[in-house]
Amino acid sequence: MHEPHILPIAKRGEPILQQRAHTVSNVHDPAIQQLIDNMLATMLAANGVGIAAPQVFSPLRIIIVASRPNQRYPDAPLMEPLALVNPEILWRSAETSLYDEGCLSVPDTRVPMERAEQLQVRYLTRDGQAVETRYHGFIARIIQHEYDHIEGILIQP
C-alpha cells in the first residue's frame, strides 16, 4: 500500500456529482483499498465527518462515515472511521429531524435538511464483511447525506 494522499474534491457543477455511482465488484482490489485510504485522508484534511467516492472524482458506491467533533461540527459524536462499500438503506424511521448540513462539495454553505432519525443499512466493510445494522442521530444523518452522493443527489442551497 502507498501512503494515503489528499485528493481534489469535486465542487457543485461537476458532472460526477449528478451521476449514480457504480457498484464495487471487488472490495479487496488494492486500488479500492487505496481509494478508501485516500478518501479518509481527504475528508480529515477538509474537516469533514463523511465523504463519498464521487466527491473525489471516483464514480463508485463507497462512503466513509467518521463523526468526530471538529471546527465544522463541534458537537458531533466521536466514532472510529467506517467505510461502507455498496451501502443500501433498507429502512428509514418515520421520525425525522431538521439540521443545517454542510457539504465538502458545496463550501461555506449550510442547508436545513430533514432526515430520518434512524436507519437500517446493509453494506460491505473494507475487509469484505457483509454487515447489516441500525444507526441513529447524527451518524444516521451522515450516512443519508453520503448515500445521496452515490445516488447523484447534492444538497441545494
N, C-alpha and C. Protein backbone atom coordinates (compact mmCIF):
# COMPACT_ATOMS: atom_id res chain seq x y z
N MET A 1 0.84 -1.19 0.00
CA MET A 1 0.00 0.00 0.00
C MET A 1 0.87 1.24 0.00
N HIS A 2 0.39 2.25 -0.68
CA HIS A 2 1.08 3.53 -0.70
C HIS A 2 0.56 4.39 0.43
N GLU A 3 1.33 5.42 0.75
CA GLU A 3 0.85 6.40 1.72
C GLU A 3 -0.42 7.04 1.16
N PRO A 4 -1.41 7.29 2.03
CA PRO A 4 -2.61 7.98 1.53
C PRO A 4 -2.28 9.41 1.13
N HIS A 5 -2.98 9.91 0.14
CA HIS A 5 -2.78 11.30 -0.22
C HIS A 5 -4.11 12.00 -0.40
N ILE A 6 -4.05 13.31 -0.32
CA ILE A 6 -5.23 14.16 -0.40
C ILE A 6 -5.64 14.29 -1.86
N LEU A 7 -6.92 14.04 -2.11
CA LEU A 7 -7.46 14.12 -3.47
C LEU A 7 -8.22 15.43 -3.65
N PRO A 8 -8.35 15.89 -4.89
CA PRO A 8 -9.19 17.07 -5.14
C PRO A 8 -10.66 16.72 -4.85
N ILE A 9 -11.39 17.69 -4.34
CA ILE A 9 -12.81 17.49 -4.03
C ILE A 9 -13.65 18.14 -5.12
N ALA A 10 -14.56 17.37 -5.70
CA ALA A 10 -15.47 17.87 -6.73
C ALA A 10 -16.41 18.91 -6.11
N LYS A 11 -16.59 20.01 -6.79
CA LYS A 11 -17.49 21.07 -6.32
C LYS A 11 -18.78 21.06 -7.14
N ARG A 12 -19.81 21.67 -6.55
CA ARG A 12 -21.10 21.73 -7.23
C ARG A 12 -20.92 22.20 -8.67
N GLY A 13 -21.61 21.53 -9.59
CA GLY A 13 -21.46 21.83 -11.01
C GLY A 13 -20.67 20.76 -11.74
N GLU A 14 -19.87 19.98 -10.98
CA GLU A 14 -19.12 18.87 -11.61
C GLU A 14 -20.10 17.76 -11.99
N PRO A 15 -20.05 17.27 -13.23
CA PRO A 15 -21.00 16.23 -13.67
C PRO A 15 -21.00 14.98 -12.79
N ILE A 16 -19.86 14.57 -12.24
CA ILE A 16 -19.81 13.34 -11.45
C ILE A 16 -20.73 13.40 -10.24
N LEU A 17 -21.01 14.61 -9.74
CA LEU A 17 -21.87 14.75 -8.56
C LEU A 17 -23.35 14.55 -8.89
N GLN A 18 -23.66 14.45 -10.18
CA GLN A 18 -25.06 14.27 -10.60
C GLN A 18 -25.31 12.86 -11.14
N GLN A 19 -24.32 11.97 -11.03
CA GLN A 19 -24.45 10.63 -11.59
C GLN A 19 -24.56 9.59 -10.48
N ARG A 20 -25.36 8.55 -10.75
CA ARG A 20 -25.46 7.44 -9.81
C ARG A 20 -24.15 6.65 -9.90
N ALA A 21 -23.55 6.37 -8.75
CA ALA A 21 -22.25 5.68 -8.72
C ALA A 21 -22.42 4.19 -9.01
N HIS A 22 -21.33 3.56 -9.42
CA HIS A 22 -21.31 2.14 -9.81
C HIS A 22 -20.99 1.25 -8.61
N THR A 23 -21.54 0.05 -8.63
CA THR A 23 -21.26 -0.94 -7.61
C THR A 23 -19.79 -1.36 -7.65
N VAL A 24 -19.19 -1.52 -6.48
CA VAL A 24 -17.82 -2.02 -6.38
C VAL A 24 -17.87 -3.53 -6.51
N SER A 25 -17.13 -4.07 -7.48
CA SER A 25 -17.19 -5.52 -7.72
C SER A 25 -16.20 -6.29 -6.87
N ASN A 26 -15.06 -5.67 -6.50
CA ASN A 26 -14.07 -6.39 -5.70
C ASN A 26 -13.48 -5.46 -4.65
N VAL A 27 -14.03 -5.54 -3.44
CA VAL A 27 -13.59 -4.67 -2.36
C VAL A 27 -12.12 -4.92 -2.00
N HIS A 28 -11.59 -6.10 -2.31
CA HIS A 28 -10.20 -6.44 -1.97
C HIS A 28 -9.18 -5.91 -2.98
N ASP A 29 -9.65 -5.34 -4.08
CA ASP A 29 -8.75 -4.77 -5.09
C ASP A 29 -7.87 -3.71 -4.41
N PRO A 30 -6.55 -3.79 -4.58
CA PRO A 30 -5.67 -2.80 -3.94
C PRO A 30 -6.03 -1.36 -4.32
N ALA A 31 -6.53 -1.14 -5.52
CA ALA A 31 -6.91 0.22 -5.93
C ALA A 31 -8.10 0.72 -5.10
N ILE A 32 -9.01 -0.17 -4.75
CA ILE A 32 -10.17 0.19 -3.90
C ILE A 32 -9.68 0.50 -2.49
N GLN A 33 -8.79 -0.33 -1.97
CA GLN A 33 -8.24 -0.10 -0.64
C GLN A 33 -7.50 1.24 -0.58
N GLN A 34 -6.74 1.55 -1.62
CA GLN A 34 -6.02 2.82 -1.68
C GLN A 34 -7.01 3.98 -1.76
N LEU A 35 -8.07 3.82 -2.55
CA LEU A 35 -9.09 4.87 -2.66
C LEU A 35 -9.71 5.15 -1.29
N ILE A 36 -10.03 4.10 -0.53
CA ILE A 36 -10.61 4.28 0.81
C ILE A 36 -9.64 5.07 1.69
N ASP A 37 -8.37 4.70 1.68
CA ASP A 37 -7.36 5.43 2.47
C ASP A 37 -7.27 6.89 2.04
N ASN A 38 -7.28 7.13 0.73
CA ASN A 38 -7.19 8.49 0.21
C ASN A 38 -8.44 9.31 0.56
N MET A 39 -9.62 8.66 0.48
CA MET A 39 -10.86 9.35 0.84
C MET A 39 -10.82 9.78 2.30
N LEU A 40 -10.36 8.89 3.17
CA LEU A 40 -10.29 9.21 4.59
C LEU A 40 -9.32 10.38 4.83
N ALA A 41 -8.15 10.33 4.22
CA ALA A 41 -7.17 11.41 4.37
C ALA A 41 -7.73 12.74 3.86
N THR A 42 -8.43 12.69 2.73
CA THR A 42 -9.01 13.89 2.13
C THR A 42 -10.08 14.48 3.04
N MET A 43 -10.96 13.62 3.57
CA MET A 43 -12.03 14.05 4.46
C MET A 43 -11.47 14.68 5.73
N LEU A 44 -10.46 14.04 6.32
CA LEU A 44 -9.86 14.57 7.55
C LEU A 44 -9.22 15.94 7.29
N ALA A 45 -8.51 16.07 6.17
CA ALA A 45 -7.84 17.33 5.84
C ALA A 45 -8.85 18.46 5.63
N ALA A 46 -10.06 18.11 5.18
CA ALA A 46 -11.09 19.12 4.90
C ALA A 46 -12.03 19.33 6.09
N ASN A 47 -11.73 18.71 7.24
CA ASN A 47 -12.59 18.80 8.42
C ASN A 47 -14.00 18.28 8.17
N GLY A 48 -14.10 17.22 7.37
CA GLY A 48 -15.40 16.61 7.12
C GLY A 48 -15.69 15.52 8.13
N VAL A 49 -16.95 15.09 8.18
CA VAL A 49 -17.35 13.96 9.03
C VAL A 49 -17.81 12.79 8.16
N GLY A 50 -17.77 12.99 6.85
CA GLY A 50 -18.12 11.94 5.90
C GLY A 50 -17.69 12.37 4.52
N ILE A 51 -17.55 11.39 3.63
CA ILE A 51 -17.20 11.69 2.23
C ILE A 51 -17.65 10.51 1.38
N ALA A 52 -18.01 10.80 0.15
CA ALA A 52 -18.42 9.76 -0.80
C ALA A 52 -17.45 9.76 -1.97
N ALA A 53 -17.23 8.58 -2.55
CA ALA A 53 -16.27 8.46 -3.65
C ALA A 53 -16.51 9.46 -4.79
N PRO A 54 -17.77 9.72 -5.20
CA PRO A 54 -17.95 10.70 -6.27
C PRO A 54 -17.39 12.09 -5.94
N GLN A 55 -17.29 12.41 -4.65
CA GLN A 55 -16.75 13.72 -4.27
C GLN A 55 -15.25 13.83 -4.55
N VAL A 56 -14.58 12.69 -4.75
CA VAL A 56 -13.16 12.71 -5.11
C VAL A 56 -12.98 12.17 -6.54
N PHE A 57 -14.03 12.39 -7.35
CA PHE A 57 -14.00 12.06 -8.78
C PHE A 57 -13.88 10.56 -9.06
N SER A 58 -14.42 9.74 -8.17
CA SER A 58 -14.44 8.30 -8.39
C SER A 58 -15.90 7.84 -8.37
N PRO A 59 -16.42 7.30 -9.48
CA PRO A 59 -17.85 7.01 -9.58
C PRO A 59 -18.25 5.66 -8.94
N LEU A 60 -17.83 5.44 -7.70
CA LEU A 60 -18.06 4.16 -7.04
C LEU A 60 -18.92 4.33 -5.79
N ARG A 61 -19.61 3.23 -5.41
CA ARG A 61 -20.51 3.24 -4.26
C ARG A 61 -19.73 2.96 -2.97
N ILE A 62 -18.93 3.95 -2.58
CA ILE A 62 -18.16 3.88 -1.33
C ILE A 62 -18.41 5.19 -0.58
N ILE A 63 -18.75 5.05 0.70
CA ILE A 63 -18.86 6.22 1.55
C ILE A 63 -18.05 5.99 2.82
N ILE A 64 -17.58 7.06 3.38
CA ILE A 64 -16.88 7.00 4.67
C ILE A 64 -17.66 7.85 5.64
N VAL A 65 -17.89 7.29 6.82
CA VAL A 65 -18.55 8.00 7.90
C VAL A 65 -17.55 8.07 9.04
N ALA A 66 -17.26 9.27 9.50
CA ALA A 66 -16.24 9.45 10.53
C ALA A 66 -16.61 10.62 11.42
N SER A 67 -17.71 10.48 12.12
CA SER A 67 -18.15 11.55 13.01
C SER A 67 -17.11 11.81 14.09
N ARG A 68 -16.82 13.08 14.31
CA ARG A 68 -15.95 13.49 15.40
C ARG A 68 -16.11 14.99 15.57
N PRO A 69 -15.94 15.49 16.79
CA PRO A 69 -16.03 16.94 16.97
C PRO A 69 -14.93 17.62 16.17
N ASN A 70 -15.28 18.68 15.46
CA ASN A 70 -14.28 19.48 14.74
C ASN A 70 -14.81 20.90 14.57
N GLN A 71 -14.08 21.72 13.83
CA GLN A 71 -14.49 23.12 13.64
C GLN A 71 -15.87 23.22 13.03
N ARG A 72 -16.16 22.36 12.07
CA ARG A 72 -17.43 22.44 11.35
C ARG A 72 -18.58 21.86 12.16
N TYR A 73 -18.30 20.84 12.99
CA TYR A 73 -19.34 20.16 13.77
C TYR A 73 -18.84 19.94 15.20
N PRO A 74 -18.81 21.00 16.02
CA PRO A 74 -18.21 20.88 17.36
C PRO A 74 -18.93 19.88 18.28
N ASP A 75 -20.21 19.62 18.06
CA ASP A 75 -20.96 18.72 18.94
C ASP A 75 -21.10 17.30 18.38
N ALA A 76 -20.39 17.00 17.32
CA ALA A 76 -20.50 15.66 16.70
C ALA A 76 -19.98 14.58 17.65
N PRO A 77 -20.65 13.42 17.68
CA PRO A 77 -20.13 12.31 18.49
C PRO A 77 -18.85 11.74 17.86
N LEU A 78 -18.03 11.13 18.69
CA LEU A 78 -16.77 10.55 18.22
C LEU A 78 -16.97 9.08 17.86
N MET A 79 -16.49 8.68 16.70
CA MET A 79 -16.56 7.27 16.29
C MET A 79 -15.31 6.94 15.48
N GLU A 80 -15.00 5.66 15.39
CA GLU A 80 -13.93 5.22 14.50
C GLU A 80 -14.40 5.40 13.06
N PRO A 81 -13.55 5.87 12.16
CA PRO A 81 -13.96 5.98 10.75
C PRO A 81 -14.41 4.63 10.21
N LEU A 82 -15.47 4.67 9.42
CA LEU A 82 -16.08 3.47 8.89
C LEU A 82 -16.28 3.62 7.39
N ALA A 83 -15.77 2.67 6.61
CA ALA A 83 -16.01 2.66 5.16
C ALA A 83 -17.20 1.74 4.90
N LEU A 84 -18.18 2.23 4.15
CA LEU A 84 -19.34 1.45 3.76
C LEU A 84 -19.25 1.27 2.24
N VAL A 85 -19.07 0.04 1.80
CA VAL A 85 -18.96 -0.26 0.37
C VAL A 85 -20.30 -0.84 -0.09
N ASN A 86 -20.81 -0.32 -1.20
CA ASN A 86 -22.11 -0.73 -1.75
C ASN A 86 -23.23 -0.65 -0.70
N PRO A 87 -23.35 0.47 0.02
CA PRO A 87 -24.38 0.55 1.05
C PRO A 87 -25.78 0.57 0.46
N GLU A 88 -26.71 -0.03 1.21
CA GLU A 88 -28.14 0.00 0.86
C GLU A 88 -28.89 0.42 2.11
N ILE A 89 -29.74 1.43 1.98
CA ILE A 89 -30.61 1.80 3.10
C ILE A 89 -31.86 0.94 2.98
N LEU A 90 -32.05 0.06 3.97
CA LEU A 90 -33.16 -0.89 3.95
C LEU A 90 -34.42 -0.32 4.59
N TRP A 91 -34.24 0.59 5.55
CA TRP A 91 -35.38 1.14 6.29
C TRP A 91 -34.99 2.50 6.84
N ARG A 92 -35.96 3.41 6.83
CA ARG A 92 -35.78 4.74 7.45
C ARG A 92 -36.95 4.94 8.40
N SER A 93 -36.67 5.49 9.58
CA SER A 93 -37.73 5.74 10.55
C SER A 93 -38.66 6.85 10.05
N ALA A 94 -39.90 6.81 10.50
CA ALA A 94 -40.85 7.88 10.20
C ALA A 94 -40.45 9.14 10.97
N GLU A 95 -39.80 8.97 12.12
CA GLU A 95 -39.35 10.10 12.92
C GLU A 95 -38.18 10.78 12.20
N THR A 96 -38.28 12.09 12.05
CA THR A 96 -37.24 12.85 11.36
C THR A 96 -36.75 14.00 12.24
N SER A 97 -35.67 14.61 11.82
CA SER A 97 -35.18 15.83 12.47
C SER A 97 -34.61 16.76 11.41
N LEU A 98 -34.63 18.04 11.73
CA LEU A 98 -34.12 19.07 10.83
C LEU A 98 -32.77 19.55 11.37
N TYR A 99 -31.80 19.72 10.48
CA TYR A 99 -30.46 20.13 10.90
C TYR A 99 -29.80 20.84 9.73
N ASP A 100 -29.00 21.86 10.02
CA ASP A 100 -28.27 22.57 8.97
C ASP A 100 -27.04 21.77 8.58
N GLU A 101 -27.07 21.18 7.39
CA GLU A 101 -25.97 20.36 6.91
C GLU A 101 -25.03 21.17 6.04
N GLY A 102 -23.75 20.82 6.14
CA GLY A 102 -22.75 21.34 5.23
C GLY A 102 -22.31 20.22 4.30
N CYS A 103 -21.53 20.58 3.29
CA CYS A 103 -21.06 19.59 2.33
C CYS A 103 -19.70 20.05 1.80
N LEU A 104 -18.76 19.12 1.74
CA LEU A 104 -17.43 19.47 1.23
C LEU A 104 -17.48 19.92 -0.23
N SER A 105 -18.52 19.49 -0.96
CA SER A 105 -18.65 19.87 -2.37
C SER A 105 -19.40 21.18 -2.56
N VAL A 106 -19.97 21.71 -1.47
CA VAL A 106 -20.68 22.98 -1.51
C VAL A 106 -20.12 23.83 -0.35
N PRO A 107 -18.88 24.35 -0.53
CA PRO A 107 -18.20 25.00 0.59
C PRO A 107 -18.93 26.22 1.13
N ASP A 108 -18.73 26.46 2.42
CA ASP A 108 -19.23 27.66 3.10
C ASP A 108 -20.74 27.83 2.97
N THR A 109 -21.46 26.73 2.94
CA THR A 109 -22.92 26.76 2.81
C THR A 109 -23.51 25.76 3.79
N ARG A 110 -24.59 26.16 4.42
CA ARG A 110 -25.36 25.24 5.27
C ARG A 110 -26.78 25.22 4.73
N VAL A 111 -27.37 24.03 4.67
CA VAL A 111 -28.72 23.86 4.15
C VAL A 111 -29.54 23.08 5.17
N PRO A 112 -30.69 23.61 5.60
CA PRO A 112 -31.53 22.83 6.51
C PRO A 112 -32.09 21.61 5.79
N MET A 113 -31.80 20.42 6.35
CA MET A 113 -32.23 19.16 5.72
C MET A 113 -32.99 18.33 6.73
N GLU A 114 -34.13 17.82 6.31
CA GLU A 114 -34.89 16.91 7.15
C GLU A 114 -34.46 15.49 6.79
N ARG A 115 -34.08 14.73 7.80
CA ARG A 115 -33.58 13.36 7.60
C ARG A 115 -34.23 12.43 8.61
N ALA A 116 -34.31 11.15 8.25
CA ALA A 116 -34.78 10.14 9.19
C ALA A 116 -33.85 10.08 10.40
N GLU A 117 -34.44 9.87 11.57
CA GLU A 117 -33.66 9.77 12.81
C GLU A 117 -32.92 8.44 12.92
N GLN A 118 -33.50 7.37 12.31
CA GLN A 118 -32.89 6.05 12.38
C GLN A 118 -32.90 5.40 11.01
N LEU A 119 -31.91 4.53 10.79
CA LEU A 119 -31.77 3.81 9.52
C LEU A 119 -31.37 2.38 9.79
N GLN A 120 -31.76 1.50 8.90
CA GLN A 120 -31.21 0.14 8.84
C GLN A 120 -30.40 0.10 7.54
N VAL A 121 -29.12 -0.24 7.64
CA VAL A 121 -28.22 -0.18 6.47
C VAL A 121 -27.50 -1.52 6.31
N ARG A 122 -27.37 -1.95 5.06
CA ARG A 122 -26.57 -3.14 4.72
C ARG A 122 -25.42 -2.67 3.85
N TYR A 123 -24.21 -3.18 4.14
CA TYR A 123 -23.03 -2.78 3.37
C TYR A 123 -21.92 -3.80 3.56
N LEU A 124 -20.87 -3.64 2.78
CA LEU A 124 -19.64 -4.41 2.97
C LEU A 124 -18.63 -3.51 3.67
N THR A 125 -17.86 -4.09 4.60
CA THR A 125 -16.75 -3.36 5.19
C THR A 125 -15.59 -3.38 4.19
N ARG A 126 -14.55 -2.64 4.47
CA ARG A 126 -13.39 -2.65 3.58
C ARG A 126 -12.70 -4.00 3.58
N ASP A 127 -12.99 -4.85 4.57
CA ASP A 127 -12.45 -6.22 4.62
C ASP A 127 -13.35 -7.22 3.89
N GLY A 128 -14.48 -6.74 3.35
CA GLY A 128 -15.38 -7.62 2.60
C GLY A 128 -16.45 -8.28 3.45
N GLN A 129 -16.54 -7.91 4.72
CA GLN A 129 -17.57 -8.48 5.60
C GLN A 129 -18.92 -7.84 5.29
N ALA A 130 -19.96 -8.66 5.16
CA ALA A 130 -21.32 -8.14 4.99
C ALA A 130 -21.87 -7.78 6.36
N VAL A 131 -22.38 -6.57 6.48
CA VAL A 131 -22.91 -6.06 7.75
C VAL A 131 -24.30 -5.50 7.50
N GLU A 132 -25.20 -5.74 8.46
CA GLU A 132 -26.49 -5.07 8.45
C GLU A 132 -26.70 -4.54 9.86
N THR A 133 -26.89 -3.23 9.98
CA THR A 133 -27.01 -2.64 11.30
C THR A 133 -27.86 -1.38 11.26
N ARG A 134 -28.21 -0.90 12.44
CA ARG A 134 -29.05 0.29 12.57
C ARG A 134 -28.20 1.44 13.10
N TYR A 135 -28.45 2.62 12.58
CA TYR A 135 -27.78 3.83 13.04
C TYR A 135 -28.84 4.85 13.41
N HIS A 136 -28.49 5.77 14.30
CA HIS A 136 -29.43 6.82 14.69
C HIS A 136 -28.70 8.15 14.88
N GLY A 137 -29.50 9.21 14.95
CA GLY A 137 -28.96 10.54 15.23
C GLY A 137 -28.01 11.07 14.17
N PHE A 138 -26.94 11.71 14.63
CA PHE A 138 -26.01 12.38 13.73
C PHE A 138 -25.34 11.41 12.75
N ILE A 139 -25.04 10.20 13.21
CA ILE A 139 -24.39 9.22 12.33
C ILE A 139 -25.34 8.78 11.22
N ALA A 140 -26.62 8.59 11.57
CA ALA A 140 -27.63 8.27 10.54
C ALA A 140 -27.73 9.41 9.53
N ARG A 141 -27.63 10.64 10.01
CA ARG A 141 -27.69 11.81 9.12
C ARG A 141 -26.51 11.80 8.15
N ILE A 142 -25.31 11.53 8.65
CA ILE A 142 -24.12 11.49 7.77
C ILE A 142 -24.32 10.42 6.70
N ILE A 143 -24.79 9.24 7.11
CA ILE A 143 -24.99 8.15 6.14
C ILE A 143 -25.96 8.59 5.06
N GLN A 144 -27.07 9.22 5.44
CA GLN A 144 -28.07 9.65 4.44
C GLN A 144 -27.48 10.69 3.50
N HIS A 145 -26.69 11.62 4.05
CA HIS A 145 -26.07 12.66 3.22
C HIS A 145 -25.11 12.03 2.20
N GLU A 146 -24.25 11.12 2.69
CA GLU A 146 -23.27 10.50 1.80
C GLU A 146 -23.95 9.54 0.82
N TYR A 147 -25.00 8.87 1.26
CA TYR A 147 -25.75 7.98 0.38
C TYR A 147 -26.34 8.80 -0.78
N ASP A 148 -26.84 9.99 -0.48
CA ASP A 148 -27.35 10.86 -1.55
C ASP A 148 -26.27 11.08 -2.61
N HIS A 149 -25.02 11.27 -2.17
CA HIS A 149 -23.93 11.49 -3.14
C HIS A 149 -23.78 10.32 -4.10
N ILE A 150 -23.86 9.08 -3.61
CA ILE A 150 -23.68 7.95 -4.53
C ILE A 150 -24.92 7.72 -5.40
N GLU A 151 -26.02 8.41 -5.05
CA GLU A 151 -27.22 8.39 -5.89
C GLU A 151 -27.25 9.58 -6.84
N GLY A 152 -26.23 10.44 -6.78
CA GLY A 152 -26.17 11.61 -7.67
C GLY A 152 -26.96 12.80 -7.18
N ILE A 153 -27.24 12.85 -5.86
CA ILE A 153 -28.03 13.94 -5.27
C ILE A 153 -27.11 14.83 -4.44
N LEU A 154 -27.19 16.13 -4.66
CA LEU A 154 -26.38 17.10 -3.94
C LEU A 154 -27.32 18.07 -3.21
N ILE A 155 -26.95 18.46 -1.97
CA ILE A 155 -27.78 19.44 -1.28
C ILE A 155 -27.86 20.72 -2.11
N GLN A 156 -29.04 21.33 -2.07
CA GLN A 156 -29.28 22.55 -2.87
C GLN A 156 -29.48 23.74 -1.95
N PRO A 157 -28.56 24.69 -1.97
CA PRO A 157 -28.74 25.88 -1.13
C PRO A 157 -29.91 26.73 -1.62
